[in-house]
Amino acid sequence: MRVTNKSILLVEDDRVDMMMVIRALKQVHVTNKVVHLENGEDALNYLRDEDNEKPCIILLDLNMPIMNGVEFLRAVKDDEQLRQVPVVVLTTSDEQQDKLNSFNFGVAGYMAKPVDYWQFVEVMRSIDTYWTISEMP
């Protein structure tokens, strides 16, 4: 089991999806603290607060109230202090424009949320393996 103090920022408005992400991360032995915020505006405020350590990765839903995922991405990638934090989009959207917008704003990955829990666990395993979430300094 790997351990690090760096948190994962989960920006997700759906409680069921939030619980599924946390459960799947535990399933693949990612022990990082998960900071959950329900919209892009709250997440941006959290990231800009000097008292909060920058996360090792941001897991982002696109379809949220107040500030959606694309608006959040634009703000993060325009911010000199935040643009280096990798962002992986986790979404149910199969809209090609959402994918294009996400990649145009420099996302590190774009993953469809599978309906099947065990497929979702494999998505989390892929993110951990590729980004070595639990080993980042």
N, C-alpha and C. Protein backbone atom coordinates (compact mmCIF):
# COMPACT_ATOMS: atom_id res chain seq x y z
N MET A 1 0.84 -1.18 0.00
CA MET A 1 0.00 0.00 0.00
C MET A 1 0.88 1.24 0.00
N ARG A 2 0.54 2.20 -0.84
CA ARG A 2 1.32 3.42 -0.98
C ARG A 2 0.61 4.55 -0.24
N VAL A 3 1.39 5.44 0.35
CA VAL A 3 0.80 6.53 1.14
C VAL A 3 1.50 7.83 0.79
N THR A 4 0.75 8.89 0.69
CA THR A 4 1.30 10.23 0.51
C THR A 4 0.37 11.21 1.20
N ASN A 5 0.87 12.39 1.50
CA ASN A 5 0.05 13.40 2.16
C ASN A 5 -0.74 14.23 1.17
N LYS A 6 -0.41 14.15 -0.12
CA LYS A 6 -1.10 14.95 -1.13
C LYS A 6 -2.55 14.49 -1.27
N SER A 7 -3.44 15.46 -1.35
CA SER A 7 -4.85 15.12 -1.48
C SER A 7 -5.25 15.01 -2.96
N ILE A 8 -6.42 14.44 -3.15
CA ILE A 8 -7.09 14.38 -4.45
C ILE A 8 -8.28 15.32 -4.33
N LEU A 9 -8.44 16.22 -5.28
CA LEU A 9 -9.60 17.09 -5.29
C LEU A 9 -10.64 16.49 -6.22
N LEU A 10 -11.79 16.17 -5.68
CA LEU A 10 -12.90 15.62 -6.45
C LEU A 10 -13.97 16.69 -6.58
N VAL A 11 -14.22 17.14 -7.81
CA VAL A 11 -15.23 18.16 -8.06
C VAL A 11 -16.40 17.47 -8.74
N GLU A 12 -17.43 17.19 -7.95
CA GLU A 12 -18.53 16.32 -8.38
C GLU A 12 -19.79 16.71 -7.61
N ASP A 13 -20.87 17.00 -8.33
CA ASP A 13 -22.10 17.41 -7.66
C ASP A 13 -23.01 16.25 -7.28
N ASP A 14 -22.82 15.09 -7.85
CA ASP A 14 -23.69 13.93 -7.58
C ASP A 14 -23.12 13.11 -6.42
N ARG A 15 -23.89 12.97 -5.34
CA ARG A 15 -23.42 12.27 -4.14
C ARG A 15 -23.13 10.79 -4.41
N VAL A 16 -23.95 10.16 -5.24
CA VAL A 16 -23.73 8.74 -5.54
C VAL A 16 -22.42 8.57 -6.29
N ASP A 17 -22.17 9.43 -7.28
CA ASP A 17 -20.91 9.36 -8.02
C ASP A 17 -19.73 9.66 -7.11
N MET A 18 -19.88 10.62 -6.21
CA MET A 18 -18.83 10.95 -5.26
C MET A 18 -18.48 9.73 -4.40
N MET A 19 -19.49 9.07 -3.88
CA MET A 19 -19.26 7.90 -3.04
C MET A 19 -18.63 6.77 -3.85
N MET A 20 -19.03 6.64 -5.12
CA MET A 20 -18.46 5.59 -5.96
C MET A 20 -16.97 5.85 -6.23
N VAL A 21 -16.60 7.11 -6.47
CA VAL A 21 -15.19 7.45 -6.68
C VAL A 21 -14.37 7.11 -5.44
N ILE A 22 -14.85 7.52 -4.30
CA ILE A 22 -14.11 7.27 -3.05
C ILE A 22 -13.99 5.77 -2.79
N ARG A 23 -15.07 5.05 -2.99
CA ARG A 23 -15.03 3.59 -2.79
C ARG A 23 -14.08 2.91 -3.77
N ALA A 24 -14.12 3.32 -5.03
CA ALA A 24 -13.24 2.72 -6.05
C ALA A 24 -11.78 3.04 -5.76
N LEU A 25 -11.48 4.25 -5.31
CA LEU A 25 -10.10 4.59 -4.95
C LEU A 25 -9.60 3.70 -3.81
N LYS A 26 -10.45 3.48 -2.83
CA LYS A 26 -10.07 2.58 -1.72
C LYS A 26 -9.85 1.16 -2.24
N GLN A 27 -10.68 0.74 -3.18
CA GLN A 27 -10.59 -0.60 -3.76
C GLN A 27 -9.23 -0.84 -4.42
N VAL A 28 -8.64 0.22 -5.00
CA VAL A 28 -7.34 0.08 -5.66
C VAL A 28 -6.20 0.56 -4.75
N HIS A 29 -6.50 0.70 -3.46
CA HIS A 29 -5.52 1.02 -2.41
C HIS A 29 -4.91 2.40 -2.52
N VAL A 30 -5.68 3.35 -3.04
CA VAL A 30 -5.25 4.75 -3.00
C VAL A 30 -5.73 5.30 -1.66
N THR A 31 -4.79 5.74 -0.84
CA THR A 31 -5.13 6.17 0.52
C THR A 31 -5.08 7.69 0.69
N ASN A 32 -4.89 8.42 -0.39
CA ASN A 32 -4.87 9.87 -0.31
C ASN A 32 -6.19 10.39 0.25
N LYS A 33 -6.11 11.49 0.97
CA LYS A 33 -7.30 12.18 1.42
C LYS A 33 -8.03 12.71 0.19
N VAL A 34 -9.34 12.55 0.15
CA VAL A 34 -10.15 13.08 -0.94
C VAL A 34 -10.90 14.30 -0.43
N VAL A 35 -10.66 15.43 -1.08
CA VAL A 35 -11.40 16.66 -0.78
C VAL A 35 -12.49 16.76 -1.82
N HIS A 36 -13.73 16.76 -1.34
CA HIS A 36 -14.88 16.77 -2.26
C HIS A 36 -15.56 18.13 -2.23
N LEU A 37 -15.73 18.71 -3.41
CA LEU A 37 -16.49 19.95 -3.55
C LEU A 37 -17.49 19.76 -4.68
N GLU A 38 -18.64 20.43 -4.57
CA GLU A 38 -19.77 20.13 -5.45
C GLU A 38 -19.90 20.99 -6.69
N ASN A 39 -19.05 22.01 -6.85
CA ASN A 39 -19.11 22.81 -8.07
C ASN A 39 -17.77 23.49 -8.31
N GLY A 40 -17.60 23.97 -9.51
CA GLY A 40 -16.33 24.57 -9.91
C GLY A 40 -15.97 25.82 -9.13
N GLU A 41 -16.96 26.61 -8.78
CA GLU A 41 -16.69 27.84 -8.04
C GLU A 41 -16.09 27.53 -6.66
N ASP A 42 -16.71 26.59 -5.95
CA ASP A 42 -16.17 26.20 -4.63
C ASP A 42 -14.78 25.59 -4.77
N ALA A 43 -14.58 24.80 -5.82
CA ALA A 43 -13.28 24.17 -6.04
C ALA A 43 -12.21 25.21 -6.35
N LEU A 44 -12.55 26.20 -7.15
CA LEU A 44 -11.60 27.26 -7.48
C LEU A 44 -11.23 28.06 -6.23
N ASN A 45 -12.22 28.37 -5.41
CA ASN A 45 -11.96 29.09 -4.15
C ASN A 45 -11.05 28.26 -3.24
N TYR A 46 -11.30 26.96 -3.18
CA TYR A 46 -10.46 26.06 -2.37
C TYR A 46 -9.02 26.08 -2.88
N LEU A 47 -8.85 25.95 -4.20
CA LEU A 47 -7.51 25.91 -4.78
C LEU A 47 -6.75 27.22 -4.60
N ARG A 48 -7.46 28.32 -4.59
CA ARG A 48 -6.82 29.64 -4.47
C ARG A 48 -6.57 30.04 -3.02
N ASP A 49 -7.10 29.29 -2.08
CA ASP A 49 -6.88 29.57 -0.66
C ASP A 49 -5.47 29.14 -0.28
N GLU A 50 -4.66 30.08 0.15
CA GLU A 50 -3.25 29.81 0.49
C GLU A 50 -3.10 28.79 1.60
N ASP A 51 -4.11 28.62 2.43
CA ASP A 51 -4.04 27.67 3.55
C ASP A 51 -4.20 26.22 3.10
N ASN A 52 -4.67 26.00 1.88
CA ASN A 52 -4.88 24.65 1.37
C ASN A 52 -3.72 24.23 0.48
N GLU A 53 -3.19 23.04 0.74
CA GLU A 53 -2.15 22.51 -0.11
C GLU A 53 -2.74 22.13 -1.47
N LYS A 54 -1.98 22.33 -2.52
CA LYS A 54 -2.45 21.96 -3.86
C LYS A 54 -2.56 20.44 -3.94
N PRO A 55 -3.63 19.94 -4.55
CA PRO A 55 -3.79 18.48 -4.67
C PRO A 55 -2.82 17.89 -5.69
N CYS A 56 -2.64 16.58 -5.63
CA CYS A 56 -1.79 15.92 -6.62
C CYS A 56 -2.53 15.75 -7.94
N ILE A 57 -3.87 15.75 -7.89
CA ILE A 57 -4.68 15.60 -9.10
C ILE A 57 -6.09 16.11 -8.80
N ILE A 58 -6.76 16.55 -9.84
CA ILE A 58 -8.16 16.97 -9.74
C ILE A 58 -8.98 16.03 -10.60
N LEU A 59 -10.00 15.42 -10.00
CA LEU A 59 -10.96 14.59 -10.73
C LEU A 59 -12.20 15.45 -10.90
N LEU A 60 -12.59 15.69 -12.13
CA LEU A 60 -13.59 16.72 -12.44
C LEU A 60 -14.77 16.19 -13.23
N ASP A 61 -15.95 16.45 -12.72
CA ASP A 61 -17.18 16.22 -13.49
C ASP A 61 -17.41 17.46 -14.34
N LEU A 62 -18.05 17.32 -15.48
CA LEU A 62 -18.31 18.47 -16.34
C LEU A 62 -19.65 19.13 -16.06
N ASN A 63 -20.67 18.32 -15.80
CA ASN A 63 -22.03 18.84 -15.67
C ASN A 63 -22.35 19.14 -14.21
N MET A 64 -22.12 20.41 -13.83
CA MET A 64 -22.36 20.82 -12.44
C MET A 64 -23.05 22.18 -12.43
N PRO A 65 -23.72 22.49 -11.32
CA PRO A 65 -24.34 23.81 -11.20
C PRO A 65 -23.30 24.88 -10.85
N ILE A 66 -23.71 26.11 -10.90
CA ILE A 66 -22.94 27.31 -10.54
C ILE A 66 -21.79 27.57 -11.50
N MET A 67 -20.78 26.71 -11.52
CA MET A 67 -19.68 26.81 -12.48
C MET A 67 -19.42 25.41 -12.99
N ASN A 68 -19.66 25.18 -14.28
CA ASN A 68 -19.50 23.83 -14.81
C ASN A 68 -18.03 23.47 -15.00
N GLY A 69 -17.77 22.26 -15.39
CA GLY A 69 -16.42 21.76 -15.50
C GLY A 69 -15.57 22.48 -16.53
N VAL A 70 -16.15 22.85 -17.66
CA VAL A 70 -15.39 23.55 -18.70
C VAL A 70 -15.00 24.94 -18.22
N GLU A 71 -15.92 25.63 -17.55
CA GLU A 71 -15.62 26.95 -17.00
C GLU A 71 -14.52 26.84 -15.93
N PHE A 72 -14.60 25.81 -15.11
CA PHE A 72 -13.58 25.55 -14.09
C PHE A 72 -12.22 25.30 -14.75
N LEU A 73 -12.21 24.45 -15.78
CA LEU A 73 -10.96 24.16 -16.49
C LEU A 73 -10.33 25.43 -17.04
N ARG A 74 -11.13 26.26 -17.65
CA ARG A 74 -10.63 27.52 -18.22
C ARG A 74 -9.96 28.35 -17.12
N ALA A 75 -10.62 28.47 -15.98
CA ALA A 75 -10.08 29.27 -14.87
C ALA A 75 -8.78 28.66 -14.32
N VAL A 76 -8.74 27.35 -14.17
CA VAL A 76 -7.55 26.68 -13.63
C VAL A 76 -6.38 26.83 -14.59
N LYS A 77 -6.60 26.60 -15.85
CA LYS A 77 -5.51 26.65 -16.82
C LYS A 77 -5.04 28.07 -17.12
N ASP A 78 -5.88 29.08 -16.79
CA ASP A 78 -5.48 30.48 -16.93
C ASP A 78 -4.74 30.99 -15.70
N ASP A 79 -4.73 30.20 -14.64
CA ASP A 79 -4.12 30.62 -13.37
C ASP A 79 -2.69 30.06 -13.27
N GLU A 80 -1.74 30.95 -13.20
CA GLU A 80 -0.32 30.57 -13.15
C GLU A 80 -0.01 29.61 -12.00
N GLN A 81 -0.68 29.75 -10.87
CA GLN A 81 -0.44 28.92 -9.69
C GLN A 81 -1.08 27.54 -9.78
N LEU A 82 -2.07 27.38 -10.65
CA LEU A 82 -2.85 26.14 -10.68
C LEU A 82 -2.67 25.31 -11.94
N ARG A 83 -2.19 25.91 -13.00
CA ARG A 83 -2.20 25.22 -14.30
C ARG A 83 -1.39 23.93 -14.34
N GLN A 84 -0.44 23.74 -13.41
CA GLN A 84 0.38 22.53 -13.42
C GLN A 84 -0.30 21.33 -12.75
N VAL A 85 -1.39 21.57 -12.03
CA VAL A 85 -2.10 20.47 -11.37
C VAL A 85 -2.84 19.67 -12.45
N PRO A 86 -2.56 18.36 -12.57
CA PRO A 86 -3.26 17.58 -13.60
C PRO A 86 -4.76 17.45 -13.30
N VAL A 87 -5.55 17.58 -14.34
CA VAL A 87 -7.01 17.46 -14.22
C VAL A 87 -7.45 16.30 -15.11
N VAL A 88 -8.19 15.36 -14.50
CA VAL A 88 -8.78 14.26 -15.26
C VAL A 88 -10.30 14.43 -15.19
N VAL A 89 -10.91 14.51 -16.36
CA VAL A 89 -12.36 14.64 -16.44
C VAL A 89 -12.98 13.25 -16.28
N LEU A 90 -13.94 13.15 -15.37
CA LEU A 90 -14.75 11.94 -15.19
C LEU A 90 -16.18 12.36 -15.47
N THR A 91 -16.75 11.87 -16.55
CA THR A 91 -18.06 12.38 -16.94
C THR A 91 -18.93 11.30 -17.58
N THR A 92 -20.22 11.54 -17.55
CA THR A 92 -21.16 10.68 -18.26
C THR A 92 -21.42 11.24 -19.66
N SER A 93 -20.91 12.43 -19.93
CA SER A 93 -21.15 13.08 -21.22
C SER A 93 -20.44 12.33 -22.34
N ASP A 94 -21.18 12.08 -23.41
CA ASP A 94 -20.54 11.50 -24.59
C ASP A 94 -20.55 12.53 -25.74
N GLU A 95 -20.71 13.79 -25.38
CA GLU A 95 -20.70 14.87 -26.36
C GLU A 95 -19.27 15.11 -26.85
N GLN A 96 -19.08 15.05 -28.14
CA GLN A 96 -17.75 15.28 -28.72
C GLN A 96 -17.24 16.68 -28.38
N GLN A 97 -18.13 17.66 -28.33
CA GLN A 97 -17.72 19.04 -28.03
C GLN A 97 -17.16 19.14 -26.60
N ASP A 98 -17.75 18.40 -25.65
CA ASP A 98 -17.22 18.39 -24.29
C ASP A 98 -15.79 17.86 -24.27
N LYS A 99 -15.57 16.81 -25.04
CA LYS A 99 -14.23 16.22 -25.11
C LYS A 99 -13.25 17.20 -25.73
N LEU A 100 -13.64 17.83 -26.85
CA LEU A 100 -12.77 18.81 -27.50
C LEU A 100 -12.46 19.98 -26.59
N ASN A 101 -13.50 20.51 -25.93
CA ASN A 101 -13.29 21.63 -25.01
C ASN A 101 -12.32 21.24 -23.90
N SER A 102 -12.50 20.05 -23.36
CA SER A 102 -11.64 19.59 -22.27
C SER A 102 -10.18 19.51 -22.72
N PHE A 103 -9.94 18.89 -23.84
CA PHE A 103 -8.57 18.77 -24.33
C PHE A 103 -7.99 20.12 -24.75
N ASN A 104 -8.84 21.01 -25.27
CA ASN A 104 -8.36 22.35 -25.61
C ASN A 104 -7.88 23.11 -24.37
N PHE A 105 -8.44 22.79 -23.21
CA PHE A 105 -8.01 23.43 -21.96
C PHE A 105 -6.95 22.61 -21.24
N GLY A 106 -6.40 21.60 -21.90
CA GLY A 106 -5.24 20.91 -21.36
C GLY A 106 -5.51 19.88 -20.29
N VAL A 107 -6.61 19.15 -20.38
CA VAL A 107 -6.84 18.09 -19.40
C VAL A 107 -5.80 16.98 -19.56
N ALA A 108 -5.53 16.33 -18.46
CA ALA A 108 -4.58 15.22 -18.47
C ALA A 108 -5.24 13.93 -18.95
N GLY A 109 -6.55 13.87 -18.86
CA GLY A 109 -7.27 12.69 -19.30
C GLY A 109 -8.77 12.95 -19.32
N TYR A 110 -9.47 12.14 -20.08
CA TYR A 110 -10.92 12.26 -20.22
C TYR A 110 -11.48 10.85 -20.14
N MET A 111 -12.17 10.54 -19.06
CA MET A 111 -12.66 9.19 -18.82
C MET A 111 -14.17 9.20 -18.68
N ALA A 112 -14.83 8.32 -19.42
CA ALA A 112 -16.28 8.15 -19.28
C ALA A 112 -16.55 7.35 -18.01
N LYS A 113 -17.56 7.78 -17.27
CA LYS A 113 -17.95 7.05 -16.06
C LYS A 113 -18.75 5.82 -16.49
N PRO A 114 -18.19 4.64 -16.30
CA PRO A 114 -18.96 3.45 -16.65
C PRO A 114 -20.08 3.22 -15.63
N VAL A 115 -21.14 2.60 -16.09
CA VAL A 115 -22.26 2.29 -15.20
C VAL A 115 -21.89 1.16 -14.25
N ASP A 116 -21.14 0.20 -14.71
CA ASP A 116 -20.75 -0.96 -13.91
C ASP A 116 -19.68 -0.56 -12.90
N TYR A 117 -19.90 -0.91 -11.63
CA TYR A 117 -18.96 -0.53 -10.56
C TYR A 117 -17.57 -1.07 -10.82
N TRP A 118 -17.42 -2.33 -11.20
CA TRP A 118 -16.10 -2.92 -11.38
C TRP A 118 -15.36 -2.31 -12.56
N GLN A 119 -16.08 -1.86 -13.57
CA GLN A 119 -15.44 -1.12 -14.66
C GLN A 119 -14.95 0.24 -14.14
N PHE A 120 -15.74 0.82 -13.25
CA PHE A 120 -15.35 2.09 -12.65
C PHE A 120 -14.08 1.93 -11.80
N VAL A 121 -13.99 0.82 -11.08
CA VAL A 121 -12.78 0.52 -10.30
C VAL A 121 -11.58 0.48 -11.24
N GLU A 122 -11.75 -0.12 -12.40
CA GLU A 122 -10.64 -0.20 -13.36
C GLU A 122 -10.27 1.19 -13.90
N VAL A 123 -11.24 2.06 -14.05
CA VAL A 123 -10.95 3.44 -14.46
C VAL A 123 -10.09 4.11 -13.39
N MET A 124 -10.45 3.93 -12.12
CA MET A 124 -9.66 4.50 -11.02
C MET A 124 -8.27 3.88 -10.97
N ARG A 125 -8.18 2.60 -11.22
CA ARG A 125 -6.87 1.93 -11.25
C ARG A 125 -6.01 2.51 -12.38
N SER A 126 -6.61 2.75 -13.53
CA SER A 126 -5.88 3.34 -14.65
C SER A 126 -5.37 4.73 -14.31
N ILE A 127 -6.20 5.53 -13.68
CA ILE A 127 -5.78 6.88 -13.30
C ILE A 127 -4.63 6.80 -12.29
N ASP A 128 -4.76 5.93 -11.30
CA ASP A 128 -3.69 5.78 -10.30
C ASP A 128 -2.40 5.28 -10.95
N THR A 129 -2.51 4.31 -11.84
CA THR A 129 -1.33 3.75 -12.50
C THR A 129 -0.65 4.80 -13.37
N TYR A 130 -1.43 5.49 -14.17
CA TYR A 130 -0.85 6.46 -15.10
C TYR A 130 -0.27 7.66 -14.36
N TRP A 131 -1.02 8.18 -13.39
CA TRP A 131 -0.59 9.39 -12.69
C TRP A 131 0.12 9.08 -11.38
N THR A 132 0.23 7.81 -11.03
CA THR A 132 0.84 7.39 -9.76
C THR A 132 0.43 8.34 -8.64
N ILE A 133 -0.87 8.50 -8.51
CA ILE A 133 -1.46 9.41 -7.53
C ILE A 133 -0.83 9.20 -6.16
N SER A 134 -0.79 7.98 -5.73
CA SER A 134 -0.38 7.72 -4.37
C SER A 134 1.13 7.73 -4.17
N GLU A 135 1.89 8.06 -5.20
CA GLU A 135 3.34 8.14 -5.05
C GLU A 135 3.91 9.51 -5.37
N MET A 136 3.04 10.46 -5.73
CA MET A 136 3.55 11.78 -6.11
C MET A 136 4.13 12.48 -4.89
N PRO A 137 5.26 13.20 -5.06
CA PRO A 137 5.87 13.89 -3.91
C PRO A 137 5.04 15.07 -3.46
